[in-house]
C-alpha atoms as a PDB file:
ATOM      1  CA  MET A   1     -19.758  12.704  14.545  1.00  0.00           C
ATOM      2  CA  LYS A   2     -19.926  15.706  12.180  1.00  0.00           C
ATOM      3  CA  THR A   3     -18.616  17.980  14.925  1.00  0.00           C
ATOM      4  CA  GLN A   4     -15.696  15.630  15.629  1.00  0.00           C
ATOM      5  CA  LEU A   5     -14.851  15.424  11.922  1.00  0.00           C
ATOM      6  CA  SER A   6     -14.947  19.219  11.645  1.00  0.00           C
ATOM      7  CA  VAL A   7     -12.476  19.536  14.516  1.00  0.00           C
ATOM      8  CA  VAL A   8     -10.112  17.051  12.844  1.00  0.00           C
ATOM      9  CA  LEU A   9     -10.321  18.808   9.479  1.00  0.00           C
ATOM     10  CA  CYS A  10      -9.710  22.220  11.042  1.00  0.00           C
ATOM     11  CA  ALA A  11      -6.673  20.852  12.864  1.00  0.00           C
ATOM     12  CA  LEU A  12      -5.305  19.432   9.621  1.00  0.00           C
ATOM     13  CA  ALA A  13      -5.867  22.705   7.804  1.00  0.00           C
ATOM     14  CA  LEU A  14      -3.885  24.590  10.455  1.00  0.00           C
ATOM     15  CA  THR A  15      -0.829  22.461   9.714  1.00  0.00           C
ATOM     16  CA  ALA A  16      -0.633  23.647   6.096  1.00  0.00           C
ATOM     17  CA  ALA A  17       1.425  26.722   6.996  1.00  0.00           C
ATOM     18  CA  LEU A  18       3.914  24.814   9.152  1.00  0.00           C
ATOM     19  CA  PRO A  19       7.375  24.007   7.782  1.00  0.00           C
ATOM     20  CA  ALA A  20       8.033  20.359   6.908  1.00  0.00           C
ATOM     21  CA  ALA A  21       9.835  18.492   9.673  1.00  0.00           C
ATOM     22  CA  ALA A  22      12.273  15.648   9.170  1.00  0.00           C
ATOM     23  CA  ALA A  23      10.675  12.199   9.265  1.00  0.00           C
ATOM     24  CA  ASP A  24      11.429   8.530   8.620  1.00  0.00           C
ATOM     25  CA  HIS A  25       8.176   7.590   6.932  1.00  0.00           C
ATOM     26  CA  ALA A  26       5.929   8.156   3.926  1.00  0.00           C
ATOM     27  CA  THR A  27       2.349   7.517   2.859  1.00  0.00           C
ATOM     28  CA  ILE A  28       1.902   5.530  -0.358  1.00  0.00           C
ATOM     29  CA  LEU A  29      -1.463   5.679  -2.117  1.00  0.00           C
ATOM     30  CA  MET A  30      -2.560   2.802  -4.363  1.00  0.00           C
ATOM     31  CA  TYR A  31      -5.038   2.991  -7.248  1.00  0.00           C
ATOM     32  CA  HIS A  32      -6.081   0.621 -10.029  1.00  0.00           C
ATOM     33  CA  ARG A  33      -8.543   2.182 -12.495  1.00  0.00           C
ATOM     34  CA  PHE A  34      -9.393   5.823 -13.154  1.00  0.00           C
ATOM     35  CA  GLY A  35     -12.898   6.695 -14.299  1.00  0.00           C
ATOM     36  CA  GLU A  36     -13.916   3.112 -15.129  1.00  0.00           C
ATOM     37  CA  ASN A  37     -17.147   3.379 -13.210  1.00  0.00           C
ATOM     38  CA  THR A  38     -18.481  -0.101 -14.047  1.00  0.00           C
ATOM     39  CA  VAL A  39     -15.930  -1.675 -11.666  1.00  0.00           C
ATOM     40  CA  PRO A  40     -16.252   0.411  -8.471  1.00  0.00           C
ATOM     41  CA  SER A  41     -14.250  -1.952  -6.254  1.00  0.00           C
ATOM     42  CA  THR A  42     -11.042  -1.167  -8.155  1.00  0.00           C
ATOM     43  CA  ASN A  43     -11.966   2.221  -9.595  1.00  0.00           C
ATOM     44  CA  ILE A  44     -11.643   5.813  -8.462  1.00  0.00           C
ATOM     45  CA  ARG A  45     -14.134   8.215  -9.990  1.00  0.00           C
ATOM     46  CA  LEU A  46     -12.521  11.082 -11.856  1.00  0.00           C
ATOM     47  CA  GLU A  47     -14.127  13.705  -9.654  1.00  0.00           C
ATOM     48  CA  GLN A  48     -12.716  11.865  -6.637  1.00  0.00           C
ATOM     49  CA  PHE A  49      -9.257  11.684  -8.186  1.00  0.00           C
ATOM     50  CA  ASP A  50      -9.368  15.357  -9.126  1.00  0.00           C
ATOM     51  CA  ALA A  51     -10.183  16.127  -5.475  1.00  0.00           C
ATOM     52  CA  HIS A  52      -7.207  13.985  -4.363  1.00  0.00           C
ATOM     53  CA  ILE A  53      -4.883  15.914  -6.663  1.00  0.00           C
ATOM     54  CA  ALA A  54      -6.260  19.229  -5.415  1.00  0.00           C
ATOM     55  CA  GLU A  55      -5.610  18.107  -1.835  1.00  0.00           C
ATOM     56  CA  LEU A  56      -2.071  17.037  -2.696  1.00  0.00           C
ATOM     57  CA  LYS A  57      -1.359  20.388  -4.340  1.00  0.00           C
ATOM     58  CA  SER A  58      -2.944  22.570  -1.657  1.00  0.00           C
ATOM     59  CA  GLY A  59      -2.033  20.688   1.530  1.00  0.00           C
ATOM     60  CA  PRO A  60       1.177  20.418   3.576  1.00  0.00           C
ATOM     61  CA  TYR A  61       2.423  17.432   1.584  1.00  0.00           C
ATOM     62  CA  LYS A  62       5.615  16.635  -0.294  1.00  0.00           C
ATOM     63  CA  VAL A  63       4.808  14.345  -3.224  1.00  0.00           C
ATOM     64  CA  MET A  64       7.907  12.410  -4.254  1.00  0.00           C
ATOM     65  CA  GLY A  65       8.847   9.657  -6.661  1.00  0.00           C
ATOM     66  CA  LEU A  66       8.570   6.218  -5.108  1.00  0.00           C
ATOM     67  CA  PRO A  67      12.213   5.261  -5.904  1.00  0.00           C
ATOM     68  CA  GLU A  68      13.454   8.318  -3.992  1.00  0.00           C
ATOM     69  CA  ILE A  69      11.271   7.486  -0.992  1.00  0.00           C
ATOM     70  CA  VAL A  70      12.443   3.864  -1.046  1.00  0.00           C
ATOM     71  CA  ALA A  71      16.093   4.925  -1.197  1.00  0.00           C
ATOM     72  CA  LYS A  72      15.690   7.194   1.828  1.00  0.00           C
ATOM     73  CA  LEU A  73      13.767   4.580   3.820  1.00  0.00           C
ATOM     74  CA  LYS A  74      16.481   2.001   3.184  1.00  0.00           C
ATOM     75  CA  SER A  75      19.409   4.326   3.922  1.00  0.00           C
ATOM     76  CA  GLY A  76      17.843   5.930   6.989  1.00  0.00           C
ATOM     77  CA  GLU A  77      18.072   9.361   5.392  1.00  0.00           C
ATOM     78  CA  SER A  78      15.414  11.815   6.541  1.00  0.00           C
ATOM     79  CA  LEU A  79      12.228  12.380   4.580  1.00  0.00           C
ATOM     80  CA  PRO A  80      10.012  15.444   4.842  1.00  0.00           C
ATOM     81  CA  ASP A  81       6.999  14.995   7.089  1.00  0.00           C
ATOM     82  CA  ARG A  82       3.931  14.037   5.044  1.00  0.00           C
ATOM     83  CA  ALA A  83       5.986  12.623   2.177  1.00  0.00           C
ATOM     84  CA  VAL A  84       3.676  10.920  -0.332  1.00  0.00           C
ATOM     85  CA  ALA A  85       4.013   8.607  -3.337  1.00  0.00           C
ATOM     86  CA  ILE A  86       1.317   7.727  -5.892  1.00  0.00           C
ATOM     87  CA  THR A  87       1.070   4.212  -7.360  1.00  0.00           C
ATOM     88  CA  ALA A  88      -1.319   2.190  -9.512  1.00  0.00           C
ATOM     89  CA  ASP A  89      -1.440  -1.567 -10.107  1.00  0.00           C
ATOM     90  CA  ASP A  90      -2.158  -3.791 -13.123  1.00  0.00           C
ATOM     91  CA  ALA A  91      -1.650  -1.338 -16.063  1.00  0.00           C
ATOM     92  CA  TYR A  92      -5.276  -0.685 -16.973  1.00  0.00           C
ATOM     93  CA  ILE A  93      -5.713   1.613 -19.969  1.00  0.00           C
ATOM     94  CA  SER A  94      -7.244   4.353 -17.828  1.00  0.00           C
ATOM     95  CA  ALA A  95      -3.888   4.855 -16.109  1.00  0.00           C
ATOM     96  CA  PHE A  96      -2.678   6.099 -19.506  1.00  0.00           C
ATOM     97  CA  THR A  97      -5.814   7.941 -20.677  1.00  0.00           C
ATOM     98  CA  GLU A  98      -6.982   9.476 -17.386  1.00  0.00           C
ATOM     99  CA  GLY A  99      -4.654   8.957 -14.416  1.00  0.00           C
ATOM    100  CA  TRP A 100      -1.238   9.901 -15.774  1.00  0.00           C
ATOM    101  CA  PRO A 101      -2.390  12.958 -17.794  1.00  0.00           C
ATOM    102  CA  ARG A 102      -3.861  14.469 -14.642  1.00  0.00           C
ATOM    103  CA  LEU A 103      -0.804  13.690 -12.542  1.00  0.00           C
ATOM    104  CA  LYS A 104       1.569  14.941 -15.248  1.00  0.00           C
ATOM    105  CA  LYS A 105      -0.325  18.228 -15.529  1.00  0.00           C
ATOM    106  CA  ALA A 106      -0.103  18.632 -11.739  1.00  0.00           C
ATOM    107  CA  GLY A 107       3.620  17.792 -11.720  1.00  0.00           C
ATOM    108  CA  ILE A 108       3.068  14.717  -9.540  1.00  0.00           C
ATOM    109  CA  PRO A 109       5.378  11.669  -9.950  1.00  0.00           C
ATOM    110  CA  PHE A 110       3.782   8.295 -10.549  1.00  0.00           C
ATOM    111  CA  THR A 111       4.673   4.598 -10.303  1.00  0.00           C
ATOM    112  CA  LEU A 112       2.862   1.963 -12.373  1.00  0.00           C
ATOM    113  CA  PHE A 113       3.088  -1.727 -11.415  1.00  0.00           C
ATOM    114  CA  VAL A 114       2.633  -3.806 -14.568  1.00  0.00           C
ATOM    115  CA  ALA A 115       1.378  -7.387 -14.840  1.00  0.00           C
ATOM    116  CA  THR A 116       3.051  -8.444 -18.078  1.00  0.00           C
ATOM    117  CA  GLU A 117       0.719 -11.175 -19.402  1.00  0.00           C
ATOM    118  CA  PRO A 118      -2.384  -9.003 -20.076  1.00  0.00           C
ATOM    119  CA  VAL A 119      -0.197  -6.371 -21.775  1.00  0.00           C
ATOM    120  CA  THR A 120       1.741  -8.867 -23.889  1.00  0.00           C
ATOM    121  CA  SER A 121      -1.498 -10.633 -24.862  1.00  0.00           C
ATOM    122  CA  LYS A 122      -2.971  -7.258 -25.898  1.00  0.00           C
ATOM    123  CA  LEU A 123      -5.936  -7.876 -23.632  1.00  0.00           C
ATOM    124  CA  ARG A 124      -8.682  -5.314 -24.054  1.00  0.00           C
ATOM    125  CA  GLY A 125      -8.709  -2.669 -21.335  1.00  0.00           C
ATOM    126  CA  TYR A 126      -4.958  -2.793 -20.711  1.00  0.00           C
ATOM    127  CA  LEU A 127      -2.084  -0.620 -21.875  1.00  0.00           C
ATOM    128  CA  THR A 128       0.148  -1.607 -24.762  1.00  0.00           C
ATOM    129  CA  TRP A 129       3.925  -1.833 -24.476  1.00  0.00           C
ATOM    130  CA  ASP A 130       4.212   1.259 -26.673  1.00  0.00           C
ATOM    131  CA  GLN A 131       2.064   3.194 -24.196  1.00  0.00           C
ATOM    132  CA  ILE A 132       4.121   1.898 -21.269  1.00  0.00           C
ATOM    133  CA  ARG A 133       7.324   2.943 -23.042  1.00  0.00           C
ATOM    134  CA  GLN A 134       5.829   6.386 -23.611  1.00  0.00           C
ATOM    135  CA  MET A 135       4.898   6.723 -19.923  1.00  0.00           C
ATOM    136  CA  LYS A 136       8.391   5.615 -18.918  1.00  0.00           C
ATOM    137  CA  ALA A 137       9.929   8.189 -21.275  1.00  0.00           C
ATOM    138  CA  GLU A 138       7.733  10.851 -19.641  1.00  0.00           C
ATOM    139  CA  GLY A 139       9.067   9.982 -16.181  1.00  0.00           C
ATOM    140  CA  VAL A 140       6.730   7.276 -14.875  1.00  0.00           C
ATOM    141  CA  THR A 141       8.466   4.621 -12.783  1.00  0.00           C
ATOM    142  CA  ILE A 142       7.594   1.114 -13.959  1.00  0.00           C
ATOM    143  CA  GLY A 143       7.402  -1.618 -11.333  1.00  0.00           C
ATOM    144  CA  ALA A 144       6.736  -5.354 -11.612  1.00  0.00           C
ATOM    145  CA  HIS A 145       3.431  -6.986 -10.676  1.00  0.00           C
ATOM    146  CA  SER A 146       4.051 -10.624 -11.774  1.00  0.00           C
ATOM    147  CA  HIS A 147       3.214 -12.123 -15.181  1.00  0.00           C
ATOM    148  CA  ARG A 148      -0.268 -13.667 -14.960  1.00  0.00           C
ATOM    149  CA  HIS A 149      -1.319 -11.813 -11.781  1.00  0.00           C
ATOM    150  CA  PRO A 150      -1.846 -15.015  -9.762  1.00  0.00           C
ATOM    151  CA  SER A 151      -2.124 -15.547  -6.055  1.00  0.00           C
ATOM    152  CA  LEU A 152       1.570 -16.312  -5.644  1.00  0.00           C
ATOM    153  CA  PRO A 153       1.165 -18.160  -2.295  1.00  0.00           C
ATOM    154  CA  ALA A 154      -1.340 -20.507  -3.963  1.00  0.00           C
ATOM    155  CA  LEU A 155       1.192 -21.631  -6.584  1.00  0.00           C
ATOM    156  CA  SER A 156       3.819 -24.315  -6.171  1.00  0.00           C
ATOM    157  CA  PRO A 157       7.331 -22.935  -5.591  1.00  0.00           C
ATOM    158  CA  GLU A 158       8.242 -23.906  -9.160  1.00  0.00           C
ATOM    159  CA  LYS A 159       5.200 -22.221 -10.714  1.00  0.00           C
ATOM    160  CA  ALA A 160       5.646 -19.056  -8.639  1.00  0.00           C
ATOM    161  CA  ARG A 161       9.280 -18.745  -9.713  1.00  0.00           C
ATOM    162  CA  GLU A 162       8.363 -19.437 -13.339  1.00  0.00           C
ATOM    163  CA  ASP A 163       5.736 -16.674 -13.292  1.00  0.00           C
ATOM    164  CA  LEU A 164       8.092 -14.059 -11.846  1.00  0.00           C
ATOM    165  CA  GLU A 165      11.005 -15.038 -14.067  1.00  0.00           C
ATOM    166  CA  THR A 166       8.749 -14.798 -17.133  1.00  0.00           C
ATOM    167  CA  SER A 167       7.756 -11.306 -16.048  1.00  0.00           C
ATOM    168  CA  ARG A 168      11.392 -10.269 -15.659  1.00  0.00           C
ATOM    169  CA  ALA A 169      12.332 -11.631 -19.089  1.00  0.00           C
ATOM    170  CA  ILE A 170       9.499  -9.694 -20.741  1.00  0.00           C
ATOM    171  CA  PHE A 171      10.506  -6.448 -19.021  1.00  0.00           C
ATOM    172  CA  GLU A 172      14.059  -6.972 -20.248  1.00  0.00           C
ATOM    173  CA  LYS A 173      12.806  -7.504 -23.798  1.00  0.00           C
ATOM    174  CA  GLU A 174      10.288  -4.643 -23.862  1.00  0.00           C
ATOM    175  CA  LEU A 175      11.973  -1.987 -21.712  1.00  0.00           C
ATOM    176  CA  GLY A 176      15.607  -3.039 -21.809  1.00  0.00           C
ATOM    177  CA  GLU A 177      15.752  -3.399 -18.034  1.00  0.00           C
ATOM    178  CA  GLN A 178      14.126  -5.152 -15.106  1.00  0.00           C
ATOM    179  CA  PRO A 179      12.191  -3.180 -12.484  1.00  0.00           C
ATOM    180  CA  ALA A 180      13.597  -2.775  -8.978  1.00  0.00           C
ATOM    181  CA  LEU A 181      10.168  -2.387  -7.346  1.00  0.00           C
ATOM    182  CA  PHE A 182       7.598  -5.171  -6.935  1.00  0.00           C
ATOM    183  CA  ALA A 183       3.948  -5.216  -5.864  1.00  0.00           C
ATOM    184  CA  TYR A 184       2.296  -8.507  -4.856  1.00  0.00           C
ATOM    185  CA  PRO A 185      -0.816  -9.396  -6.905  1.00  0.00           C
ATOM    186  CA  PHE A 186      -3.856  -8.845  -4.668  1.00  0.00           C
ATOM    187  CA  GLY A 187      -1.345  -7.819  -1.967  1.00  0.00           C
ATOM    188  CA  GLU A 188      -1.002 -11.549  -1.196  1.00  0.00           C
ATOM    189  CA  TRP A 189       2.278 -12.821   0.137  1.00  0.00           C
ATOM    190  CA  ASP A 190       3.649 -15.367   2.562  1.00  0.00           C
ATOM    191  CA  ALA A 191       7.116 -16.180   3.877  1.00  0.00           C
ATOM    192  CA  ARG A 192       7.992 -18.301   0.830  1.00  0.00           C
ATOM    193  CA  THR A 193       6.803 -15.662  -1.653  1.00  0.00           C
ATOM    194  CA  LEU A 194       8.674 -12.918   0.172  1.00  0.00           C
ATOM    195  CA  ALA A 195      11.891 -14.948   0.031  1.00  0.00           C
ATOM    196  CA  LEU A 196      11.380 -15.603  -3.692  1.00  0.00           C
ATOM    197  CA  VAL A 197      10.855 -11.922  -4.504  1.00  0.00           C
ATOM    198  CA  LYS A 198      13.952 -11.007  -2.516  1.00  0.00           C
ATOM    199  CA  SER A 199      16.030 -13.706  -4.243  1.00  0.00           C
ATOM    200  CA  LEU A 200      15.128 -12.342  -7.679  1.00  0.00           C
ATOM    201  CA  GLY A 201      16.829  -9.050  -6.913  1.00  0.00           C
ATOM    202  CA  TYR A 202      13.944  -6.698  -6.186  1.00  0.00           C
ATOM    203  CA  SER A 203      14.841  -3.933  -3.732  1.00  0.00           C
ATOM    204  CA  VAL A 204      11.408  -3.682  -2.061  1.00  0.00           C
ATOM    205  CA  ALA A 205       7.912  -5.138  -2.326  1.00  0.00           C
ATOM    206  CA  PHE A 206       4.503  -3.667  -1.554  1.00  0.00           C
ATOM    207  CA  GLY A 207       1.201  -5.030  -0.323  1.00  0.00           C
ATOM    208  CA  GLN A 208      -2.335  -3.648  -0.334  1.00  0.00           C
ATOM    209  CA  HIS A 209      -2.820  -3.189   3.402  1.00  0.00           C
ATOM    210  CA  SER A 210      -3.310   0.198   5.024  1.00  0.00           C
ATOM    211  CA  GLY A 211      -0.407   1.679   6.918  1.00  0.00           C
ATOM    212  CA  VAL A 212       2.537   4.046   6.686  1.00  0.00           C
ATOM    213  CA  ALA A 213       5.862   2.893   5.236  1.00  0.00           C
ATOM    214  CA  HIS A 214       8.760   3.657   7.582  1.00  0.00           C
ATOM    215  CA  SER A 215      12.452   2.921   7.880  1.00  0.00           C
ATOM    216  CA  LYS A 216      12.049   0.171  10.518  1.00  0.00           C
ATOM    217  CA  HIS A 217       9.423  -1.704   8.502  1.00  0.00           C
ATOM    218  CA  ASP A 218      10.227  -4.922   6.630  1.00  0.00           C
ATOM    219  CA  MET A 219      11.024  -3.623   3.130  1.00  0.00           C
ATOM    220  CA  PHE A 220       9.360  -6.633   1.503  1.00  0.00           C
ATOM    221  CA  TRP A 221       5.806  -6.035   2.726  1.00  0.00           C
ATOM    222  CA  LEU A 222       5.517  -2.275   2.775  1.00  0.00           C
ATOM    223  CA  PRO A 223       1.967  -0.944   3.186  1.00  0.00           C
ATOM    224  CA  ARG A 224      -0.067   1.234   0.866  1.00  0.00           C
ATOM    225  CA  PHE A 225      -3.448   2.879   1.417  1.00  0.00           C
ATOM    226  CA  PRO A 226      -5.856   1.440  -1.209  1.00  0.00           C
ATOM    227  CA  MET A 227      -8.188   3.942  -2.878  1.00  0.00           C
ATOM    228  CA  ASN A 228     -11.456   3.106  -4.621  1.00  0.00           C
ATOM    229  CA  GLU A 229     -14.936   4.547  -5.007  1.00  0.00           C
ATOM    230  CA  SER A 230     -16.131   3.416  -1.569  1.00  0.00           C
ATOM    231  CA  PHE A 231     -12.966   4.497   0.203  1.00  0.00           C
ATOM    232  CA  GLY A 232     -11.998   7.485  -1.911  1.00  0.00           C
ATOM    233  CA  SER A 233     -13.534  10.519  -0.243  1.00  0.00           C
ATOM    234  CA  VAL A 234     -11.295  13.547   0.222  1.00  0.00           C
ATOM    235  CA  GLU A 235     -11.708  13.115   3.985  1.00  0.00           C
ATOM    236  CA  ARG A 236     -10.357   9.579   3.778  1.00  0.00           C
ATOM    237  CA  VAL A 237      -7.423  10.502   1.556  1.00  0.00           C
ATOM    238  CA  ARG A 238      -6.631  13.431   3.868  1.00  0.00           C
ATOM    239  CA  GLN A 239      -6.568  11.048   6.831  1.00  0.00           C
ATOM    240  CA  ALA A 240      -4.154   8.757   4.953  1.00  0.00           C
ATOM    241  CA  LEU A 241      -1.917  11.621   3.860  1.00  0.00           C
ATOM    242  CA  ASN A 242      -1.610  12.855   7.427  1.00  0.00           C
ATOM    243  CA  ALA A 243      -1.114   9.396   8.941  1.00  0.00           C
ATOM    244  CA  LEU A 244       1.911   8.443  11.011  1.00  0.00           C
ATOM    245  CA  PRO A 245       3.487   5.002  11.418  1.00  0.00           C
ATOM    246  CA  LEU A 246       2.709   2.734  14.344  1.00  0.00           C
ATOM    247  CA  PRO A 247       6.114   1.011  14.518  1.00  0.00           C
ATOM    248  CA  VAL A 248       5.936  -2.541  15.866  1.00  0.00           C
ATOM    249  CA  SER A 249       8.296  -5.496  16.231  1.00  0.00           C
ATOM    250  CA  ASP A 250       8.178  -9.228  17.001  1.00  0.00           C
ATOM    251  CA  VAL A 251       5.024  -9.677  14.942  1.00  0.00           C
ATOM    252  CA  GLU A 252       3.235 -13.025  15.354  1.00  0.00           C
ATOM    253  CA  PRO A 253       2.373 -15.124  13.504  1.00  0.00           C
ATOM    254  CA  ALA A 254       5.630 -14.981  11.558  1.00  0.00           C
ATOM    255  CA  ASP A 255       3.837 -16.103   8.383  1.00  0.00           C
ATOM    256  CA  VAL A 256       0.585 -14.550   7.155  1.00  0.00           C
ATOM    257  CA  LEU A 257      -0.519 -17.654   5.221  1.00  0.00           C
ATOM    258  CA  ILE A 258      -3.638 -19.422   6.487  1.00  0.00           C
ATOM    259  CA  ARG A 259      -4.548 -22.824   5.013  1.00  0.00           C
ATOM    260  CA  LEU A 260      -8.085 -23.781   5.918  1.00  0.00           C
ATOM    261  CA  GLY A 261      -8.162 -26.936   8.010  1.00  0.00           C
ATOM    262  CA  GLN A 262      -4.400 -26.805   8.608  1.00  0.00           C
ATOM    263  CA  THR A 263      -3.638 -23.420  10.168  1.00  0.00           C
ATOM    264  CA  THR A 264      -5.111 -21.744  13.242  1.00  0.00           C
ATOM    265  CA  ASN A 265      -7.989 -19.590  12.059  1.00  0.00           C
ATOM    266  CA  PRO A 266      -8.690 -16.914  13.083  1.00  0.00           C
ATOM    267  CA  PRO A 267      -5.033 -16.070  13.681  1.00  0.00           C
ATOM    268  CA  VAL A 268      -3.963 -14.402  16.914  1.00  0.00           C
ATOM    269  CA  LEU A 269      -2.039 -11.253  16.065  1.00  0.00           C
ATOM    270  CA  ARG A 270       0.637 -10.132  18.519  1.00  0.00           C
ATOM    271  CA  PHE A 271       3.170  -7.335  18.304  1.00  0.00           C
ATOM    272  CA  THR A 272       5.308  -5.056  20.462  1.00  0.00           C
ATOM    273  CA  VAL A 273       4.967  -1.306  19.981  1.00  0.00           C
ATOM    274  CA  ALA A 274       8.169   0.721  19.810  1.00  0.00           C
ATOM    275  CA  PRO A 275       9.083   2.927  22.806  1.00  0.00           C
ATOM    276  CA  GLY A 276       7.942   6.523  22.728  1.00  0.00           C
ATOM    277  CA  ILE A 277       4.504   5.877  21.233  1.00  0.00           C
ATOM    278  CA  GLU A 278       1.834   7.456  23.403  1.00  0.00           C
ATOM    279  CA  ARG A 279      -1.890   6.902  23.930  1.00  0.00           C
ATOM    280  CA  LEU A 280      -1.712   3.130  23.478  1.00  0.00           C
ATOM    281  CA  LYS A 281      -4.751   2.701  25.713  1.00  0.00           C
ATOM    282  CA  GLN A 282      -6.708   4.349  22.875  1.00  0.00           C
ATOM    283  CA  MET A 283      -5.615   1.795  20.283  1.00  0.00           C
ATOM    284  CA  VAL A 284      -8.417   0.374  18.142  1.00  0.00           C
ATOM    285  CA  CYS A 285      -8.157  -2.589  15.753  1.00  0.00           C
ATOM    286  CA  TYR A 286     -10.521  -3.861  13.055  1.00  0.00           C
ATOM    287  CA  THR A 287     -10.760  -6.711  10.576  1.00  0.00           C
ATOM    288  CA  GLY A 288     -11.095  -6.041   6.866  1.00  0.00           C
ATOM    289  CA  GLU A 289     -14.867  -6.334   7.308  1.00  0.00           C
ATOM    290  CA  GLY A 290     -14.816  -3.597   9.927  1.00  0.00           C
ATOM    291  CA  LYS A 291     -15.351  -5.810  12.974  1.00  0.00           C
ATOM    292  CA  ALA A 292     -13.686  -4.468  16.100  1.00  0.00           C
ATOM    293  CA  ILE A 293     -10.971  -6.504  17.825  1.00  0.00           C
ATOM    294  CA  PRO A 294     -10.220  -5.235  21.352  1.00  0.00           C
ATOM    295  CA  PRO A 295      -6.420  -5.051  21.819  1.00  0.00           C
ATOM    296  CA  ARG A 296      -5.217  -6.776  25.013  1.00  0.00           C
ATOM    297  CA  GLU A 297      -1.944  -5.791  26.655  1.00  0.00           C
ATOM    298  CA  ILE A 298      -0.001  -8.984  27.440  1.00  0.00           C
ATOM    299  CA  GLY A 299       3.377  -7.505  28.376  1.00  0.00           C
ATOM    300  CA  GLU A 300       5.322  -4.290  28.362  1.00  0.00           C
ATOM    301  CA  ARG A 301       4.127  -2.537  25.197  1.00  0.00           C
ATOM    302  CA  ARG A 302       3.114  -5.936  23.794  1.00  0.00           C
ATOM    303  CA  TYR A 303      -0.443  -6.456  22.536  1.00  0.00           C
ATOM    304  CA  GLU A 304      -2.637  -9.315  21.405  1.00  0.00           C
ATOM    305  CA  MET A 305      -5.614  -9.191  19.043  1.00  0.00           C
ATOM    306  CA  ARG A 306      -7.974 -12.174  18.815  1.00  0.00           C
ATOM    307  CA  PRO A 307     -10.590 -11.882  16.034  1.00  0.00           C
ATOM    308  CA  VAL A 308     -13.876 -13.589  16.868  1.00  0.00           C
ATOM    309  CA  ASP A 309     -14.641 -14.886  13.375  1.00  0.00           C
ATOM    310  CA  ALA A 310     -12.504 -17.116  11.184  1.00  0.00           C
ATOM    311  CA  MET A 311     -10.940 -15.386   8.208  1.00  0.00           C
ATOM    312  CA  LYS A 312     -12.460 -16.273   4.837  1.00  0.00           C
ATOM    313  CA  PRO A 313     -10.695 -16.839   1.509  1.00  0.00           C
ATOM    314  CA  PRO A 314      -9.039 -15.288  -0.326  1.00  0.00           C
ATOM    315  CA  ARG A 315      -7.695 -12.708   2.157  1.00  0.00           C
ATOM    316  CA  ASP A 316      -8.441 -10.584   5.193  1.00  0.00           C
ATOM    317  CA  ARG A 317      -6.733  -7.762   7.052  1.00  0.00           C
ATOM    318  CA  ILE A 318      -6.245  -6.404  10.524  1.00  0.00           C
ATOM    319  CA  SER A 319      -5.643  -2.677  10.926  1.00  0.00           C
ATOM    320  CA  CYS A 320      -4.769  -0.892  14.160  1.00  0.00           C
ATOM    321  CA  SER A 321      -4.638   2.828  14.818  1.00  0.00           C
ATOM    322  CA  VAL A 322      -3.679   5.064  17.721  1.00  0.00           C
ATOM    323  CA  PRO A 323      -4.401   8.802  17.978  1.00  0.00           C
ATOM    324  CA  SER A 324      -1.215  10.852  17.835  1.00  0.00           C
ATOM    325  CA  SER A 325      -0.354  13.700  20.174  1.00  0.00           C
ATOM    326  CA  GLU A 326      -0.571  15.878  17.035  1.00  0.00           C
ATOM    327  CA  ALA A 327      -4.158  16.978  16.583  1.00  0.00           C
ATOM    328  CA  GLY A 328      -5.974  15.186  13.797  1.00  0.00           C
ATOM    329  CA  ARG A 329      -3.202  12.644  13.080  1.00  0.00           C
ATOM    330  CA  TYR A 330      -3.356   8.887  13.697  1.00  0.00           C
ATOM    331  CA  ARG A 331      -0.729   6.172  13.786  1.00  0.00           C
ATOM    332  CA  TRP A 332      -1.439   3.107  11.634  1.00  0.00           C
ATOM    333  CA  PHE A 333      -0.300  -0.490  11.456  1.00  0.00           C
ATOM    334  CA  GLY A 334      -1.868  -2.968   9.046  1.00  0.00           C
ATOM    335  CA  ILE A 335      -1.283  -6.567   8.037  1.00  0.00           C
ATOM    336  CA  GLN A 336      -2.946  -8.749   5.401  1.00  0.00           C
ATOM    337  CA  PHE A 337      -3.476 -12.500   5.729  1.00  0.00           C
ATOM    338  CA  THR A 338      -3.652 -14.791   2.705  1.00  0.00           C
ATOM    339  CA  VAL A 339      -6.371 -17.422   3.179  1.00  0.00           C
ATOM    340  CA  LEU A 340      -6.196 -20.538   0.983  1.00  0.00           C
ATOM    341  CA  LYS A 341      -8.725 -23.369   0.805  1.00  0.00           C
END
C-alpha cells in the first residue's frame, strides 16, 4: 500500500511543472471549523489546514473565487485544469480568527456560507454581523446557508420557504444584498427543496458529497469535498485537488429523499457514464460508511449499484471513482441521500 501511494504521489509531483490545460471542471473544498479541536467531526486542525495551504501554493493548482468558477461552469467557458475553490459553512468564529487570516495571507479567495439565525441571535462560537461585514469588505464571498440550519427536506413546504425567505431578508438588512450562492444545511436536499432554492433566485446550490463540479452537472446540487480531522491529511486533499469529474446522466432515482417505511431502502442507484471515459471496468463504489458496492453494467455505459444495507437516518452517500488515464488522477461521482424517519 505504501509503495502504491508513493507512486501516486510521485506522479502528482511530476505534474507541477506542466502548463495548465483548459478544463470544464473544478474542485471545491468544504470546511466548517478551524482549530476547534473539541469537535473533530467538523473541525480541521490548524497544522492540517496549514499543510493544505502549503499544497495549494506549491502544487499545480489555480485557486479561484467561487463566483468566477460558477460563472465559467454555467457559461461553458474554459477553466484551468486543477481549478480550486475554498468554502466554509455555518459561520463559526474560527473562520474569522483562524481560517480567513491564513487564507488572506496566502492570497487565497474564500467563500463563507452563513446560517443567519445563530449570527443574529449572537450565539456563542459564531461570527457577528460586524465580523461578516469586515470579511466581505476584505474580499470574502458571502453565501446563504438557510436561517435556522434545519434539514430542509424534513420541513413542510411552508416552513422551508419561511426559513429561506427569513434568511434572505436578514441578508438584505445586514449586508444590503442577497447572496447568489446557496449551500444546503447538512448537504440535505430533495426535489422539492431544489425547486424552492431555484425559485428564490439563487444561481447555484452546493451539497456536502464528494465529487468534482463540472459544466454538465446539475447546478443545484454541485459537489464539494468535505474536510475534517479524520479526512484532512495532505494526501487526501492532494487526491481531491487532482480529481477529475466522472460525468453521468439519467441518474436514478430522480429524487434522493428516502422516507423510512415509504420509500425503497436501500435505493438502487443507476446512471449512464458519458462517452469517452475509459477504464470503467475499474470503477469502484462505496457507501458513506465505506462499504463496497460492486457496480453492475446493465446497458451501454449504464451502471447499477445495489447497496446491501438499508440507509440510516439522517443521510448516507454513495461515491464512485474510476482511475484516469493520467497517472495518479481519479474520476469521481458522488450523491447524497436524505433519510427521514
